[in-house]
Amino acid sequence: MSEKLMVAVDNRGISEPVLAWLTQRRRANAGHLEVEIVTVAELGWIPANTAEIEYRKVYEHALWEARETLAAALHGAVIETTMLWGTPSEQLVGVSGRADLLILGSDKTGVVAGFVSGTLPLRVVTHSACPVVVVPAGWTAGERGVVAGVSLEPSDFAVTDFAAREAERTHGELRLVHALPIPPALLSADLIAPVTRDDVRESAEGALKVAVDDLLVRYPRLSISAYTTDIRAAQALAVEATNADLVVVGTHGRGFLRRIVLGSVSHDLLLNTPCPVAVVHNREGH
């Protein structure tokens, strides 16, 4: 399988967790692999009394070091480097269209590596032309399967298909998780609820079974499980992430709506997950 990965690094180069994630992925796919290492330097962040040429050399060295590291770890991969100037979020979004996946690390320091502590993740993830994978600090590779958060809407197709392919790639289990919505009428003691909580659960479990059956048609060798939960989606996925190698979530709607949902689920998850998170732009089903 041919794949093009884009790895964003700051002036410290590639982190150990990102290297571990890329190495694990390479072991699972011996096909043609291209990796573009990208760093973005902001002229406005040049320290006082530091010449631009010295500032540039720091990033150039980080790129060179990352390239040497990946060349040794990802046997047979074609590796190139790119240095950009400008606003990191805008530059990363601008080049994301030439990759299948954009990978970023997070340790809450630096410009790119610490992006989950600010607004950069919302801008990059929301507008990226390809799925974005965020690898948290402290993560170590394992064989713990893939978790996907689903809303049981037609637009789930992009999320579940991406998650299924990732699980199949590593021969791991795929677990679908759906957080039960609370019907407005159930929130008021003064109203007679037209449906009960059990009705909502039964309907969701039926839809989950359909989703699993549909995936098994396309991925017959995949082990798939699914369940509903009463707790918040981000919390449920963070709990599942403790026993997973990847959590996959989607962006819903467009424009302002997409940013709201991303902020309430994906962003919360990015701040709390112990394992890599992939954010996939939803599209209407097949």
C-alpha atoms as a PDB file:
ATOM      1  CA  MET A   1       0.000   0.000   0.000  1.00  0.00           C
ATOM      2  CA  SER A   2       1.398   3.400  -1.012  1.00  0.00           C
ATOM      3  CA  GLU A   3       1.131   6.201   1.546  1.00  0.00           C
ATOM      4  CA  LYS A   4       2.300   9.795   1.949  1.00  0.00           C
ATOM      5  CA  LEU A   5       2.765  11.042   5.518  1.00  0.00           C
ATOM      6  CA  MET A   6       3.485  14.608   6.583  1.00  0.00           C
ATOM      7  CA  VAL A   7       5.206  15.033   9.957  1.00  0.00           C
ATOM      8  CA  ALA A   8       5.252  18.477  11.576  1.00  0.00           C
ATOM      9  CA  VAL A   9       8.158  19.247  13.901  1.00  0.00           C
ATOM     10  CA  ASP A  10       9.314  22.305  15.805  1.00  0.00           C
ATOM     11  CA  ASN A  11      12.900  23.465  16.343  1.00  0.00           C
ATOM     12  CA  ARG A  12      13.595  20.505  18.646  1.00  0.00           C
ATOM     13  CA  GLY A  13      13.039  17.937  15.937  1.00  0.00           C
ATOM     14  CA  ILE A  14      11.006  14.743  16.141  1.00  0.00           C
ATOM     15  CA  SER A  15       9.760  13.467  19.508  1.00  0.00           C
ATOM     16  CA  GLU A  16      10.171   9.903  20.758  1.00  0.00           C
ATOM     17  CA  PRO A  17       6.402   9.178  20.768  1.00  0.00           C
ATOM     18  CA  VAL A  18       6.024  10.377  17.155  1.00  0.00           C
ATOM     19  CA  LEU A  19       9.037   8.294  16.155  1.00  0.00           C
ATOM     20  CA  ALA A  20       7.491   5.263  17.890  1.00  0.00           C
ATOM     21  CA  TRP A  21       4.171   5.845  16.092  1.00  0.00           C
ATOM     22  CA  LEU A  22       5.859   6.115  12.695  1.00  0.00           C
ATOM     23  CA  THR A  23       8.019   3.046  13.356  1.00  0.00           C
ATOM     24  CA  GLN A  24       4.972   1.007  14.358  1.00  0.00           C
ATOM     25  CA  ARG A  25       3.167   2.115  11.220  1.00  0.00           C
ATOM     26  CA  ARG A  26       6.119   1.181   9.037  1.00  0.00           C
ATOM     27  CA  ARG A  27       6.222  -2.309  10.502  1.00  0.00           C
ATOM     28  CA  ALA A  28       2.536  -2.723   9.671  1.00  0.00           C
ATOM     29  CA  ASN A  29       2.980  -1.550   6.073  1.00  0.00           C
ATOM     30  CA  ALA A  30       5.951  -2.633   3.982  1.00  0.00           C
ATOM     31  CA  GLY A  31       4.619  -0.865   0.885  1.00  0.00           C
ATOM     32  CA  HIS A  32       5.832   2.362  -0.680  1.00  0.00           C
ATOM     33  CA  LEU A  33       6.057   5.100   1.961  1.00  0.00           C
ATOM     34  CA  GLU A  34       6.817   8.779   1.493  1.00  0.00           C
ATOM     35  CA  VAL A  35       7.421  11.054   4.472  1.00  0.00           C
ATOM     36  CA  GLU A  36       7.623  14.829   4.281  1.00  0.00           C
ATOM     37  CA  ILE A  37       8.998  16.478   7.410  1.00  0.00           C
ATOM     38  CA  VAL A  38       7.733  20.040   7.742  1.00  0.00           C
ATOM     39  CA  THR A  39       8.741  22.776  10.141  1.00  0.00           C
ATOM     40  CA  VAL A  40       7.270  26.268  10.340  1.00  0.00           C
ATOM     41  CA  ALA A  41       9.306  29.200  11.652  1.00  0.00           C
ATOM     42  CA  GLU A  42       7.732  32.520  12.562  1.00  0.00           C
ATOM     43  CA  LEU A  43       9.860  35.606  11.996  1.00  0.00           C
ATOM     44  CA  GLY A  44       7.965  37.353  14.763  1.00  0.00           C
ATOM     45  CA  TRP A  45       9.251  34.781  17.276  1.00  0.00           C
ATOM     46  CA  ILE A  46      12.954  35.403  16.635  1.00  0.00           C
ATOM     47  CA  PRO A  47      14.521  36.129  20.065  1.00  0.00           C
ATOM     48  CA  ALA A  48      15.995  39.570  20.644  1.00  0.00           C
ATOM     49  CA  ASN A  49      19.637  39.958  19.592  1.00  0.00           C
ATOM     50  CA  THR A  50      19.408  36.800  17.451  1.00  0.00           C
ATOM     51  CA  ALA A  51      20.236  37.037  13.757  1.00  0.00           C
ATOM     52  CA  GLU A  52      17.743  35.548  11.295  1.00  0.00           C
ATOM     53  CA  ILE A  53      20.424  33.273   9.874  1.00  0.00           C
ATOM     54  CA  GLU A  54      21.088  31.813  13.336  1.00  0.00           C
ATOM     55  CA  TYR A  55      17.361  31.357  13.898  1.00  0.00           C
ATOM     56  CA  ARG A  56      17.072  29.547  10.568  1.00  0.00           C
ATOM     57  CA  LYS A  57      19.987  27.253  11.347  1.00  0.00           C
ATOM     58  CA  VAL A  58      18.211  25.912  14.432  1.00  0.00           C
ATOM     59  CA  TYR A  59      15.246  24.790  12.318  1.00  0.00           C
ATOM     60  CA  GLU A  60      17.455  23.501   9.528  1.00  0.00           C
ATOM     61  CA  HIS A  61      19.379  21.387  12.026  1.00  0.00           C
ATOM     62  CA  ALA A  62      16.120  20.059  13.487  1.00  0.00           C
ATOM     63  CA  LEU A  63      14.980  19.041   9.994  1.00  0.00           C
ATOM     64  CA  TRP A  64      18.308  17.389   9.202  1.00  0.00           C
ATOM     65  CA  GLU A  65      18.307  15.492  12.478  1.00  0.00           C
ATOM     66  CA  ALA A  66      14.688  14.363  11.990  1.00  0.00           C
ATOM     67  CA  ARG A  67      15.492  13.194   8.481  1.00  0.00           C
ATOM     68  CA  GLU A  68      18.479  11.157   9.646  1.00  0.00           C
ATOM     69  CA  THR A  69      16.422   9.625  12.445  1.00  0.00           C
ATOM     70  CA  LEU A  70      13.531   8.629  10.179  1.00  0.00           C
ATOM     71  CA  ALA A  71      15.818   7.350   7.438  1.00  0.00           C
ATOM     72  CA  ALA A  72      17.315   4.918   9.958  1.00  0.00           C
ATOM     73  CA  ALA A  73      13.955   3.899  11.447  1.00  0.00           C
ATOM     74  CA  LEU A  74      11.715   3.704   8.372  1.00  0.00           C
ATOM     75  CA  HIS A  75      13.577   1.342   6.098  1.00  0.00           C
ATOM     76  CA  GLY A  76      12.982   2.013   2.416  1.00  0.00           C
ATOM     77  CA  ALA A  77      10.885   5.144   2.953  1.00  0.00           C
ATOM     78  CA  VAL A  78      11.379   8.164   0.722  1.00  0.00           C
ATOM     79  CA  ILE A  79      12.000  11.130   3.020  1.00  0.00           C
ATOM     80  CA  GLU A  80      12.071  14.832   2.215  1.00  0.00           C
ATOM     81  CA  THR A  81      12.141  17.993   4.300  1.00  0.00           C
ATOM     82  CA  THR A  82      10.378  21.342   3.973  1.00  0.00           C
ATOM     83  CA  MET A  83      10.961  24.563   5.888  1.00  0.00           C
ATOM     84  CA  LEU A  84       8.220  27.183   5.837  1.00  0.00           C
ATOM     85  CA  TRP A  85       7.900  30.715   7.200  1.00  0.00           C
ATOM     86  CA  GLY A  86       4.697  32.192   8.536  1.00  0.00           C
ATOM     87  CA  THR A  87       1.866  31.273  10.893  1.00  0.00           C
ATOM     88  CA  PRO A  88       2.175  27.552  11.777  1.00  0.00           C
ATOM     89  CA  SER A  89      -1.541  26.751  11.522  1.00  0.00           C
ATOM     90  CA  GLU A  90      -1.948  28.462   8.157  1.00  0.00           C
ATOM     91  CA  GLN A  91       1.194  26.948   6.698  1.00  0.00           C
ATOM     92  CA  LEU A  92       0.387  23.408   7.874  1.00  0.00           C
ATOM     93  CA  VAL A  93      -3.166  23.607   6.559  1.00  0.00           C
ATOM     94  CA  GLY A  94      -1.845  24.995   3.285  1.00  0.00           C
ATOM     95  CA  VAL A  95       0.429  22.016   2.621  1.00  0.00           C
ATOM     96  CA  SER A  96      -1.812  19.309   4.141  1.00  0.00           C
ATOM     97  CA  GLY A  97      -3.447  18.599   0.796  1.00  0.00           C
ATOM     98  CA  ARG A  98      -0.353  16.836  -0.484  1.00  0.00           C
ATOM     99  CA  ALA A  99      -0.438  14.132   2.219  1.00  0.00           C
ATOM    100  CA  ASP A 100      -2.643  11.217   3.256  1.00  0.00           C
ATOM    101  CA  LEU A 101      -2.036  11.954   6.946  1.00  0.00           C
ATOM    102  CA  LEU A 102      -0.658  14.903   8.894  1.00  0.00           C
ATOM    103  CA  ILE A 103       1.082  13.851  12.119  1.00  0.00           C
ATOM    104  CA  LEU A 104       1.818  16.158  15.055  1.00  0.00           C
ATOM    105  CA  GLY A 105       3.246  15.512  18.494  1.00  0.00           C
ATOM    106  CA  SER A 106       2.068  17.203  21.676  1.00  0.00           C
ATOM    107  CA  ASP A 107       3.842  17.871  24.938  1.00  0.00           C
ATOM    108  CA  LYS A 108       2.344  21.305  25.642  1.00  0.00           C
ATOM    109  CA  THR A 109       5.579  23.173  24.934  1.00  0.00           C
ATOM    110  CA  GLY A 110       6.943  24.776  21.814  1.00  0.00           C
ATOM    111  CA  VAL A 111       5.017  25.869  18.742  1.00  0.00           C
ATOM    112  CA  VAL A 112       4.013  22.676  16.963  1.00  0.00           C
ATOM    113  CA  ALA A 113       4.769  20.107  19.643  1.00  0.00           C
ATOM    114  CA  GLY A 114       2.646  21.972  22.160  1.00  0.00           C
ATOM    115  CA  PHE A 115      -0.219  22.957  19.943  1.00  0.00           C
ATOM    116  CA  VAL A 116      -2.934  21.150  21.933  1.00  0.00           C
ATOM    117  CA  SER A 117      -2.671  23.694  24.748  1.00  0.00           C
ATOM    118  CA  GLY A 118      -3.846  26.555  22.527  1.00  0.00           C
ATOM    119  CA  THR A 119      -6.040  27.339  19.535  1.00  0.00           C
ATOM    120  CA  LEU A 120      -3.747  25.862  16.879  1.00  0.00           C
ATOM    121  CA  PRO A 121      -5.366  22.386  17.024  1.00  0.00           C
ATOM    122  CA  LEU A 122      -8.791  23.770  16.212  1.00  0.00           C
ATOM    123  CA  ARG A 123      -7.446  25.648  13.216  1.00  0.00           C
ATOM    124  CA  VAL A 124      -5.295  22.809  11.874  1.00  0.00           C
ATOM    125  CA  VAL A 125      -7.708  19.958  12.522  1.00  0.00           C
ATOM    126  CA  THR A 126     -10.764  21.879  11.353  1.00  0.00           C
ATOM    127  CA  HIS A 127      -9.281  23.048   8.079  1.00  0.00           C
ATOM    128  CA  SER A 128      -6.732  20.360   7.213  1.00  0.00           C
ATOM    129  CA  ALA A 129      -7.259  18.777   3.799  1.00  0.00           C
ATOM    130  CA  CYS A 130      -6.315  15.351   5.196  1.00  0.00           C
ATOM    131  CA  PRO A 131      -6.865  13.476   8.479  1.00  0.00           C
ATOM    132  CA  VAL A 132      -4.697  14.675  11.364  1.00  0.00           C
ATOM    133  CA  VAL A 133      -3.073  12.339  13.892  1.00  0.00           C
ATOM    134  CA  VAL A 134      -1.961  13.776  17.235  1.00  0.00           C
ATOM    135  CA  VAL A 135       0.554  11.707  19.217  1.00  0.00           C
ATOM    136  CA  PRO A 136       0.694  12.641  22.926  1.00  0.00           C
ATOM    137  CA  ALA A 137       3.818  12.841  25.038  1.00  0.00           C
ATOM    138  CA  GLY A 138       4.536   9.700  27.004  1.00  0.00           C
ATOM    139  CA  TRP A 139       2.747   7.362  24.615  1.00  0.00           C
ATOM    140  CA  THR A 140       4.378   4.019  23.874  1.00  0.00           C
ATOM    141  CA  ALA A 141       3.469   1.641  21.062  1.00  0.00           C
ATOM    142  CA  GLY A 142       1.510  -1.529  21.776  1.00  0.00           C
ATOM    143  CA  GLU A 143      -1.060  -3.860  20.267  1.00  0.00           C
ATOM    144  CA  ARG A 144      -4.255  -2.559  21.833  1.00  0.00           C
ATOM    145  CA  GLY A 145      -6.555  -1.990  18.882  1.00  0.00           C
ATOM    146  CA  VAL A 146      -8.474   1.004  17.559  1.00  0.00           C
ATOM    147  CA  VAL A 147     -11.446   2.906  19.039  1.00  0.00           C
ATOM    148  CA  ALA A 148     -13.856   5.021  16.988  1.00  0.00           C
ATOM    149  CA  GLY A 149     -16.374   7.497  18.353  1.00  0.00           C
ATOM    150  CA  VAL A 150     -19.568   7.347  16.285  1.00  0.00           C
ATOM    151  CA  SER A 151     -22.639   9.585  16.184  1.00  0.00           C
ATOM    152  CA  LEU A 152     -24.793   7.065  14.269  1.00  0.00           C
ATOM    153  CA  GLU A 153     -25.299   9.469  11.389  1.00  0.00           C
ATOM    154  CA  PRO A 154     -24.598   8.847   7.676  1.00  0.00           C
ATOM    155  CA  SER A 155     -21.511  11.027   7.995  1.00  0.00           C
ATOM    156  CA  ASP A 156     -19.947   8.396  10.293  1.00  0.00           C
ATOM    157  CA  PHE A 157     -18.793   6.516   7.195  1.00  0.00           C
ATOM    158  CA  ALA A 158     -15.512   8.426   6.930  1.00  0.00           C
ATOM    159  CA  VAL A 159     -14.707   7.804  10.613  1.00  0.00           C
ATOM    160  CA  THR A 160     -15.588   4.110  10.730  1.00  0.00           C
ATOM    161  CA  ASP A 161     -13.935   3.332   7.399  1.00  0.00           C
ATOM    162  CA  PHE A 162     -10.726   5.103   8.445  1.00  0.00           C
ATOM    163  CA  ALA A 163     -10.770   3.312  11.811  1.00  0.00           C
ATOM    164  CA  ALA A 164     -11.427  -0.067  10.182  1.00  0.00           C
ATOM    165  CA  ARG A 165      -8.501   0.366   7.808  1.00  0.00           C
ATOM    166  CA  GLU A 166      -6.236   1.314  10.704  1.00  0.00           C
ATOM    167  CA  ALA A 167      -7.342  -1.717  12.742  1.00  0.00           C
ATOM    168  CA  GLU A 168      -6.905  -4.024   9.763  1.00  0.00           C
ATOM    169  CA  ARG A 169      -3.441  -2.584   9.135  1.00  0.00           C
ATOM    170  CA  THR A 170      -2.281  -3.661  12.601  1.00  0.00           C
ATOM    171  CA  HIS A 171      -4.458  -6.798  12.857  1.00  0.00           C
ATOM    172  CA  GLY A 172      -6.105  -5.308  15.933  1.00  0.00           C
ATOM    173  CA  GLU A 173      -9.660  -5.086  17.225  1.00  0.00           C
ATOM    174  CA  LEU A 174     -11.961  -2.205  16.320  1.00  0.00           C
ATOM    175  CA  ARG A 175     -14.265  -0.884  19.038  1.00  0.00           C
ATOM    176  CA  LEU A 176     -17.126   1.491  18.196  1.00  0.00           C
ATOM    177  CA  VAL A 177     -18.344   3.779  20.997  1.00  0.00           C
ATOM    178  CA  HIS A 178     -21.543   5.820  20.948  1.00  0.00           C
ATOM    179  CA  ALA A 179     -22.443   8.302  23.700  1.00  0.00           C
ATOM    180  CA  LEU A 180     -26.202   8.277  24.179  1.00  0.00           C
ATOM    181  CA  PRO A 181     -27.866  11.656  23.610  1.00  0.00           C
ATOM    182  CA  ILE A 182     -30.399  12.864  26.161  1.00  0.00           C
ATOM    183  CA  PRO A 183     -33.767  13.699  24.558  1.00  0.00           C
ATOM    184  CA  PRO A 184     -34.822  17.246  25.634  1.00  0.00           C
ATOM    185  CA  ALA A 185     -38.080  15.976  27.094  1.00  0.00           C
ATOM    186  CA  LEU A 186     -36.167  13.738  29.482  1.00  0.00           C
ATOM    187  CA  LEU A 187     -34.480  16.780  30.992  1.00  0.00           C
ATOM    188  CA  SER A 188     -37.729  18.267  32.334  1.00  0.00           C
ATOM    189  CA  ALA A 189     -39.650  16.818  35.244  1.00  0.00           C
ATOM    190  CA  ASP A 190     -42.700  18.771  34.124  1.00  0.00           C
ATOM    191  CA  LEU A 191     -43.033  16.982  30.804  1.00  0.00           C
ATOM    192  CA  ILE A 192     -44.064  13.463  29.978  1.00  0.00           C
ATOM    193  CA  ALA A 193     -41.194  12.050  27.958  1.00  0.00           C
ATOM    194  CA  PRO A 194     -42.320  10.742  24.551  1.00  0.00           C
ATOM    195  CA  VAL A 195     -39.512   8.187  24.746  1.00  0.00           C
ATOM    196  CA  THR A 196     -37.702   6.552  27.640  1.00  0.00           C
ATOM    197  CA  ARG A 197     -33.979   6.201  28.204  1.00  0.00           C
ATOM    198  CA  ASP A 198     -34.312   2.513  27.370  1.00  0.00           C
ATOM    199  CA  ASP A 199     -35.937   3.437  24.058  1.00  0.00           C
ATOM    200  CA  VAL A 200     -32.981   5.641  23.198  1.00  0.00           C
ATOM    201  CA  ARG A 201     -30.504   2.928  24.143  1.00  0.00           C
ATOM    202  CA  GLU A 202     -32.357   0.234  22.210  1.00  0.00           C
ATOM    203  CA  SER A 203     -32.473   2.387  19.097  1.00  0.00           C
ATOM    204  CA  ALA A 204     -28.751   3.221  19.351  1.00  0.00           C
ATOM    205  CA  GLU A 205     -27.758  -0.403  19.887  1.00  0.00           C
ATOM    206  CA  GLY A 206     -29.763  -1.403  16.828  1.00  0.00           C
ATOM    207  CA  ALA A 207     -28.018   1.264  14.751  1.00  0.00           C
ATOM    208  CA  LEU A 208     -24.639   0.133  16.072  1.00  0.00           C
ATOM    209  CA  LYS A 209     -25.364  -3.440  14.995  1.00  0.00           C
ATOM    210  CA  VAL A 210     -26.150  -2.207  11.502  1.00  0.00           C
ATOM    211  CA  ALA A 211     -22.888  -0.252  11.475  1.00  0.00           C
ATOM    212  CA  VAL A 212     -20.910  -3.308  12.570  1.00  0.00           C
ATOM    213  CA  ASP A 213     -22.584  -5.536   9.972  1.00  0.00           C
ATOM    214  CA  ASP A 214     -21.820  -2.988   7.264  1.00  0.00           C
ATOM    215  CA  LEU A 215     -18.155  -2.864   8.244  1.00  0.00           C
ATOM    216  CA  LEU A 216     -17.889  -6.650   8.316  1.00  0.00           C
ATOM    217  CA  VAL A 217     -19.060  -6.797   4.713  1.00  0.00           C
ATOM    218  CA  ARG A 218     -16.105  -4.622   3.707  1.00  0.00           C
ATOM    219  CA  TYR A 219     -13.644  -5.926   6.310  1.00  0.00           C
ATOM    220  CA  PRO A 220     -14.638  -9.579   6.878  1.00  0.00           C
ATOM    221  CA  ARG A 221     -11.454 -10.517   8.750  1.00  0.00           C
ATOM    222  CA  LEU A 222     -11.757  -7.682  11.248  1.00  0.00           C
ATOM    223  CA  SER A 223     -12.762  -8.220  14.880  1.00  0.00           C
ATOM    224  CA  ILE A 224     -15.361  -5.546  15.753  1.00  0.00           C
ATOM    225  CA  SER A 225     -17.246  -4.760  18.957  1.00  0.00           C
ATOM    226  CA  ALA A 226     -19.584  -1.885  19.805  1.00  0.00           C
ATOM    227  CA  TYR A 227     -21.316  -0.425  22.847  1.00  0.00           C
ATOM    228  CA  THR A 228     -23.257   2.594  24.075  1.00  0.00           C
ATOM    229  CA  THR A 229     -22.434   4.717  27.103  1.00  0.00           C
ATOM    230  CA  ASP A 230     -24.256   7.244  29.282  1.00  0.00           C
ATOM    231  CA  ILE A 231     -21.203   9.403  29.943  1.00  0.00           C
ATOM    232  CA  ARG A 232     -19.943  12.270  27.773  1.00  0.00           C
ATOM    233  CA  ALA A 233     -18.393  11.249  24.473  1.00  0.00           C
ATOM    234  CA  ALA A 234     -14.973  12.789  25.165  1.00  0.00           C
ATOM    235  CA  GLN A 235     -14.827  11.175  28.614  1.00  0.00           C
ATOM    236  CA  ALA A 236     -15.888   7.775  27.284  1.00  0.00           C
ATOM    237  CA  LEU A 237     -13.309   7.883  24.514  1.00  0.00           C
ATOM    238  CA  ALA A 238     -10.573   9.006  26.905  1.00  0.00           C
ATOM    239  CA  VAL A 239     -11.347   5.981  29.093  1.00  0.00           C
ATOM    240  CA  GLU A 240     -11.235   3.663  26.068  1.00  0.00           C
ATOM    241  CA  ALA A 241      -7.981   5.275  24.969  1.00  0.00           C
ATOM    242  CA  THR A 242      -6.182   3.791  27.974  1.00  0.00           C
ATOM    243  CA  ASN A 243      -6.451   0.438  26.203  1.00  0.00           C
ATOM    244  CA  ALA A 244      -6.036   1.487  22.565  1.00  0.00           C
ATOM    245  CA  ASP A 245      -3.350   2.423  20.060  1.00  0.00           C
ATOM    246  CA  LEU A 246      -5.551   4.944  18.274  1.00  0.00           C
ATOM    247  CA  VAL A 247      -8.820   6.799  18.854  1.00  0.00           C
ATOM    248  CA  VAL A 248     -10.639   8.058  15.753  1.00  0.00           C
ATOM    249  CA  VAL A 249     -13.153  10.898  15.859  1.00  0.00           C
ATOM    250  CA  GLY A 250     -14.800  13.034  13.203  1.00  0.00           C
ATOM    251  CA  THR A 251     -15.714  16.619  12.582  1.00  0.00           C
ATOM    252  CA  HIS A 252     -19.445  17.211  12.136  1.00  0.00           C
ATOM    253  CA  GLY A 253     -21.166  19.788   9.988  1.00  0.00           C
ATOM    254  CA  ARG A 254     -19.514  22.744   8.371  1.00  0.00           C
ATOM    255  CA  GLY A 255     -18.172  26.124   9.398  1.00  0.00           C
ATOM    256  CA  PHE A 256     -19.325  27.270  12.832  1.00  0.00           C
ATOM    257  CA  LEU A 257     -21.116  24.001  13.656  1.00  0.00           C
ATOM    258  CA  ARG A 258     -18.020  21.975  12.884  1.00  0.00           C
ATOM    259  CA  ARG A 259     -15.943  24.158  15.214  1.00  0.00           C
ATOM    260  CA  ILE A 260     -18.467  23.781  18.041  1.00  0.00           C
ATOM    261  CA  VAL A 261     -18.509  19.983  17.863  1.00  0.00           C
ATOM    262  CA  LEU A 262     -14.760  19.800  17.439  1.00  0.00           C
ATOM    263  CA  GLY A 263     -14.300  21.964  20.493  1.00  0.00           C
ATOM    264  CA  SER A 264     -16.643  19.932  22.681  1.00  0.00           C
ATOM    265  CA  VAL A 265     -15.447  16.437  21.781  1.00  0.00           C
ATOM    266  CA  SER A 266     -12.275  16.271  19.711  1.00  0.00           C
ATOM    267  CA  HIS A 267     -10.559  19.139  21.480  1.00  0.00           C
ATOM    268  CA  ASP A 268     -11.398  17.748  24.930  1.00  0.00           C
ATOM    269  CA  LEU A 269     -10.109  14.373  23.816  1.00  0.00           C
ATOM    270  CA  LEU A 270      -6.886  15.875  22.461  1.00  0.00           C
ATOM    271  CA  LEU A 271      -6.227  17.402  25.872  1.00  0.00           C
ATOM    272  CA  ASN A 272      -6.863  14.203  27.813  1.00  0.00           C
ATOM    273  CA  THR A 273      -6.068  11.177  25.687  1.00  0.00           C
ATOM    274  CA  PRO A 274      -3.225   8.820  26.634  1.00  0.00           C
ATOM    275  CA  CYS A 275      -2.970   7.509  23.065  1.00  0.00           C
ATOM    276  CA  PRO A 276      -2.820   8.983  19.539  1.00  0.00           C
ATOM    277  CA  VAL A 277      -5.998  10.606  18.207  1.00  0.00           C
ATOM    278  CA  ALA A 278      -6.967  10.770  14.534  1.00  0.00           C
ATOM    279  CA  VAL A 279      -9.443  13.477  13.521  1.00  0.00           C
ATOM    280  CA  VAL A 280     -11.191  12.731  10.216  1.00  0.00           C
ATOM    281  CA  HIS A 281     -13.417  15.098   8.257  1.00  0.00           C
ATOM    282  CA  ASN A 282     -16.820  13.501   7.985  1.00  0.00           C
ATOM    283  CA  ARG A 283     -18.615  13.120   4.700  1.00  0.00           C
ATOM    284  CA  GLU A 284     -21.976  11.680   3.843  1.00  0.00           C
ATOM    285  CA  GLY A 285     -21.975   7.918   3.610  1.00  0.00           C
ATOM    286  CA  HIS A 286     -21.137   5.739   0.623  1.00  0.00           C
END
